[in-house]
C-alpha cells in the first residue's frame, strides 16, 4: 500500500501544474459547496503532512507537502462563491494554462469585488452611504423629517440609487398617511 501511495503521490505531484482546482479535489466543475467541502476533507486526510511527519526527508514527504498545499489552496478559492465564479471564468477562458492557480493578485481583486458589492448594496459614494445611515438613525429616533432630509441629500450624491429612492418613497407615503389621518381627526 505504501509503495502504491508513493507512486500515486509522485504522479499527482508531477501533474499538479497542469490540473485545475476542481481536478485537484477530484470534482466536477458544477460541484456544490458541500461537495467541495467534502472533497477537501477527503483529500486533506489522504495528503495531510502530519501523517508523514515521522518520515525522513524524502521525495514522498516533499510530494505530500506539495499536494497538500495545492489541496488547501483549491479549497480556499472554491469555497468562496465570488472567487469560484472568477476562477471558473478564468479556466474556461482562452488563457486556461496561465489561470490554473489563483494568484495573490487574483485573490486581492476578488476581495475588492466583494467589498465593492457590499458597499454598493447601500451606496456607491461615501457621503451617500453616510447620509443613508444617518437617515436610518433618524428613523430609529423617530425623526422622520430629518430622515427625509438626509435621504434627499443622499440622493443628490447618488440620484440613481434605487435603495435611496425606495426608502424615500416609503417615508413619503408614511408622512402622507399620517397627515391624512391627522386631517381626518380634526374634522
Protein backbone atom coordinates (compact mmCIF):
# COMPACT_ATOMS: atom_id res chain seq x y z
CA UNK A 1 0.00 0.00 0.00
CA UNK A 2 2.79 2.46 0.87
CA UNK A 3 4.56 1.89 -2.45
CA UNK A 4 1.25 2.28 -4.29
CA UNK A 5 0.53 5.53 -2.40
CA UNK A 6 4.08 6.81 -3.02
CA UNK A 7 3.67 6.18 -6.76
CA UNK A 8 0.26 7.87 -6.77
CA UNK A 9 1.64 10.89 -4.89
CA UNK A 10 4.62 11.14 -7.25
CA UNK A 11 2.36 11.04 -10.33
CA UNK A 12 -0.04 13.60 -8.86
CA UNK A 13 2.82 15.91 -7.84
CA UNK A 14 4.19 15.79 -11.39
CA UNK A 15 0.77 16.67 -12.83
CA UNK A 16 -0.17 19.38 -10.32
CA UNK A 17 0.85 22.28 -12.53
CA UNK A 18 -1.47 21.03 -15.27
CA UNK A 19 -4.52 20.47 -13.04
CA UNK A 20 -7.17 23.00 -12.12
CA UNK A 21 -8.52 23.17 -8.58
CA UNK A 22 -11.54 21.02 -9.43
CA UNK A 23 -9.25 18.31 -10.75
CA UNK A 24 -7.03 18.56 -7.67
CA UNK A 25 -10.09 17.94 -5.48
CA UNK A 26 -11.46 15.34 -7.95
CA UNK A 27 -14.66 17.30 -8.56
CA UNK A 28 -16.92 18.24 -11.46
CA UNK A 29 -16.94 21.92 -12.46
CA UNK A 30 -20.51 22.28 -11.19
CA UNK A 31 -19.71 20.97 -7.70
CA UNK A 32 -21.77 22.42 -4.88
CA UNK A 33 -20.23 24.00 -1.74
CA UNK A 34 -20.99 20.87 0.36
CA UNK A 35 -19.35 18.68 -2.30
CA UNK A 36 -16.32 20.99 -2.32
CA UNK A 37 -16.03 20.79 1.46
CA UNK A 38 -16.38 17.00 1.43
CA UNK A 39 -13.73 16.67 -1.30
CA UNK A 40 -11.36 18.92 0.61
CA UNK A 41 -11.72 16.81 3.74
CA UNK A 42 -11.21 13.59 1.77
CA UNK A 43 -8.07 14.82 0.00
CA UNK A 44 -6.80 16.60 3.10
CA UNK A 45 -6.95 13.38 5.12
CA UNK A 46 -5.09 11.49 2.41
CA UNK A 47 -2.30 14.05 1.99
CA UNK A 48 -2.07 15.75 5.37
CA UNK A 49 1.63 16.33 6.16
CA UNK A 50 1.19 15.24 9.78
CA UNK A 51 0.60 11.68 8.58
CA UNK A 52 4.08 11.66 7.06
CA UNK A 53 5.87 13.84 9.59
CA UNK A 54 7.85 10.93 11.01
CA UNK A 55 9.35 10.10 7.62
CA UNK A 56 12.86 11.32 6.96
CA UNK A 57 13.10 13.92 4.25
CA UNK A 58 12.21 12.01 1.14
CA UNK A 59 10.57 12.51 -2.23
CA UNK A 60 7.32 11.13 -0.77
CA UNK A 61 7.31 13.69 2.03
CA UNK A 62 8.06 16.52 -0.41
CA UNK A 63 5.30 15.33 -2.78
CA UNK A 64 2.76 15.05 0.03
CA UNK A 65 3.57 18.58 1.25
CA UNK A 66 3.24 19.98 -2.26
CA UNK A 67 -0.06 18.19 -2.90
CA UNK A 68 -1.49 19.22 0.48
CA UNK A 69 -0.65 22.88 -0.17
CA UNK A 70 -2.44 22.71 -3.52
CA UNK A 71 -5.46 20.93 -1.99
CA UNK A 72 -5.72 23.67 0.64
CA UNK A 73 -5.28 26.38 -1.98
CA UNK A 74 -8.03 24.81 -4.08
CA UNK A 75 -10.41 24.73 -1.13
CA UNK A 76 -9.73 28.34 -0.15
CA UNK A 77 -10.62 29.51 -3.66
CA UNK A 78 -13.51 27.17 -4.42
CA UNK A 79 -15.35 27.60 -1.12
CA UNK A 80 -15.89 31.32 -1.79
CA UNK A 81 -18.69 31.97 -4.30
CA UNK A 82 -17.10 35.03 -5.92
CA UNK A 83 -13.62 33.51 -6.12
CA UNK A 84 -15.05 30.28 -7.53
CA UNK A 85 -17.04 32.19 -10.16
CA UNK A 86 -13.98 34.17 -11.26
CA UNK A 87 -11.85 31.04 -11.25
CA UNK A 88 -14.37 29.20 -13.45
CA UNK A 89 -14.35 32.11 -15.90
CA UNK A 90 -10.55 32.03 -15.93
CA UNK A 91 -10.15 28.30 -16.51
CA UNK A 92 -12.86 28.24 -19.15
CA UNK A 93 -11.27 31.16 -20.98
CA UNK A 94 -8.55 31.31 -23.61
CA UNK A 95 -5.75 31.68 -21.03
CA UNK A 96 -6.59 28.49 -19.11
CA UNK A 97 -3.00 27.32 -18.74
CA UNK A 98 -1.92 30.55 -17.07
CA UNK A 99 -5.02 30.73 -14.84
CA UNK A 100 -4.93 27.29 -13.21
CA UNK A 101 -3.65 28.81 -9.97
CA UNK A 102 -5.30 31.71 -8.22
CA UNK A 103 -2.58 34.25 -7.59
CA UNK A 104 -2.45 36.72 -4.68
CA UNK A 105 -3.38 39.46 -7.19
CA UNK A 106 -6.46 37.46 -8.20
CA UNK A 107 -7.35 36.98 -4.54
CA UNK A 108 -6.98 40.73 -3.88
CA UNK A 109 -9.18 41.50 -6.88
CA UNK A 110 -11.87 39.10 -5.63
CA UNK A 111 -11.69 40.68 -2.15
CA UNK A 112 -12.10 44.15 -3.65
CA UNK A 113 -15.08 42.98 -5.72
CA UNK A 114 -16.76 41.54 -2.60
CA UNK A 115 -16.13 44.77 -0.71
CA UNK A 116 -17.46 46.86 -3.59
CA UNK A 117 -20.56 44.67 -3.94
CA UNK A 118 -21.28 45.01 -0.22
CA UNK A 119 -20.82 48.79 -0.35
CA UNK A 120 -22.99 49.13 -3.44
CA UNK A 121 -25.85 47.42 -1.66
CA UNK A 122 -26.04 50.58 0.43
CA UNK A 123 -24.47 53.16 -1.87
CA UNK A 124 -21.58 53.91 -4.19
CA UNK A 125 -20.32 57.12 -2.56
CA UNK A 126 -19.03 57.61 0.96
CA UNK A 127 -21.23 60.65 1.51
CA UNK A 128 -24.31 58.87 0.14
CA UNK A 129 -23.75 55.93 2.50
CA UNK A 130 -23.18 58.27 5.46
CA UNK A 131 -26.37 60.20 4.78
CA UNK A 132 -28.35 56.99 4.33
CA UNK A 133 -27.02 55.61 7.63
CA UNK A 134 -27.91 58.89 9.34
CA UNK A 135 -31.42 58.68 7.90
CA UNK A 136 -31.79 55.20 9.41
CA UNK A 137 -30.64 56.55 12.79
CA UNK A 138 -33.13 59.41 12.45
CA UNK A 139 -35.90 56.86 11.90
CA UNK A 140 -34.84 54.89 14.98
CA UNK A 141 -35.04 58.13 16.97
CA UNK A 142 -38.49 58.81 15.46
CA UNK A 143 -37.36 61.85 13.48
CA UNK A 144 -38.98 61.21 10.08
CA UNK A 145 -38.46 64.78 8.81
CA UNK A 146 -34.72 64.58 9.47
CA UNK A 147 -34.63 61.15 7.85
CA UNK A 148 -36.33 62.50 4.72
CA UNK A 149 -33.86 65.41 4.56
CA UNK A 150 -30.90 63.06 4.83
CA UNK A 151 -32.30 60.71 2.21
CA UNK A 152 -32.90 63.62 -0.18
CA UNK A 153 -29.32 64.79 0.36
CA UNK A 154 -28.07 61.21 -0.16
CA UNK A 155 -29.91 61.18 -3.48
CA UNK A 156 -28.06 64.31 -4.59
CA UNK A 157 -24.87 62.20 -4.38
CA UNK A 158 -26.47 59.12 -5.93
CA UNK A 159 -29.54 60.09 -7.99
CA UNK A 160 -29.90 56.59 -9.49
CA UNK A 161 -29.66 54.68 -6.18
CA UNK A 162 -32.83 52.56 -6.03
CA UNK A 163 -32.43 51.84 -2.32
CA UNK A 164 -32.47 55.56 -1.53
CA UNK A 165 -35.46 56.13 -3.83
CA UNK A 166 -37.43 53.27 -2.29
CA UNK A 167 -36.75 54.38 1.27
CA UNK A 168 -37.68 57.97 0.44
CA UNK A 169 -40.92 56.84 -1.24
CA UNK A 170 -41.72 54.71 1.82
CA UNK A 171 -41.18 57.68 4.14
CA UNK A 172 -43.16 59.99 1.87
CA UNK A 173 -46.10 57.56 1.81
CA UNK A 174 -45.98 57.22 5.60
CA UNK A 175 -45.90 61.03 6.00
CA UNK A 176 -48.91 61.44 3.67
CA UNK A 177 -50.84 58.75 5.51
CA UNK A 178 -50.03 60.39 8.85
CA UNK A 179 -51.11 63.80 7.52
CA UNK A 180 -54.32 62.33 6.13
CA UNK A 181 -55.10 60.65 9.45
CA UNK A 182 -54.31 63.86 11.32
CA UNK A 183 -56.56 65.86 8.95
CA UNK A 184 -59.47 63.45 9.45
CA UNK A 185 -59.09 63.61 13.23
CA UNK A 186 -59.57 67.41 13.29
CA UNK A 187 -62.91 67.49 11.42
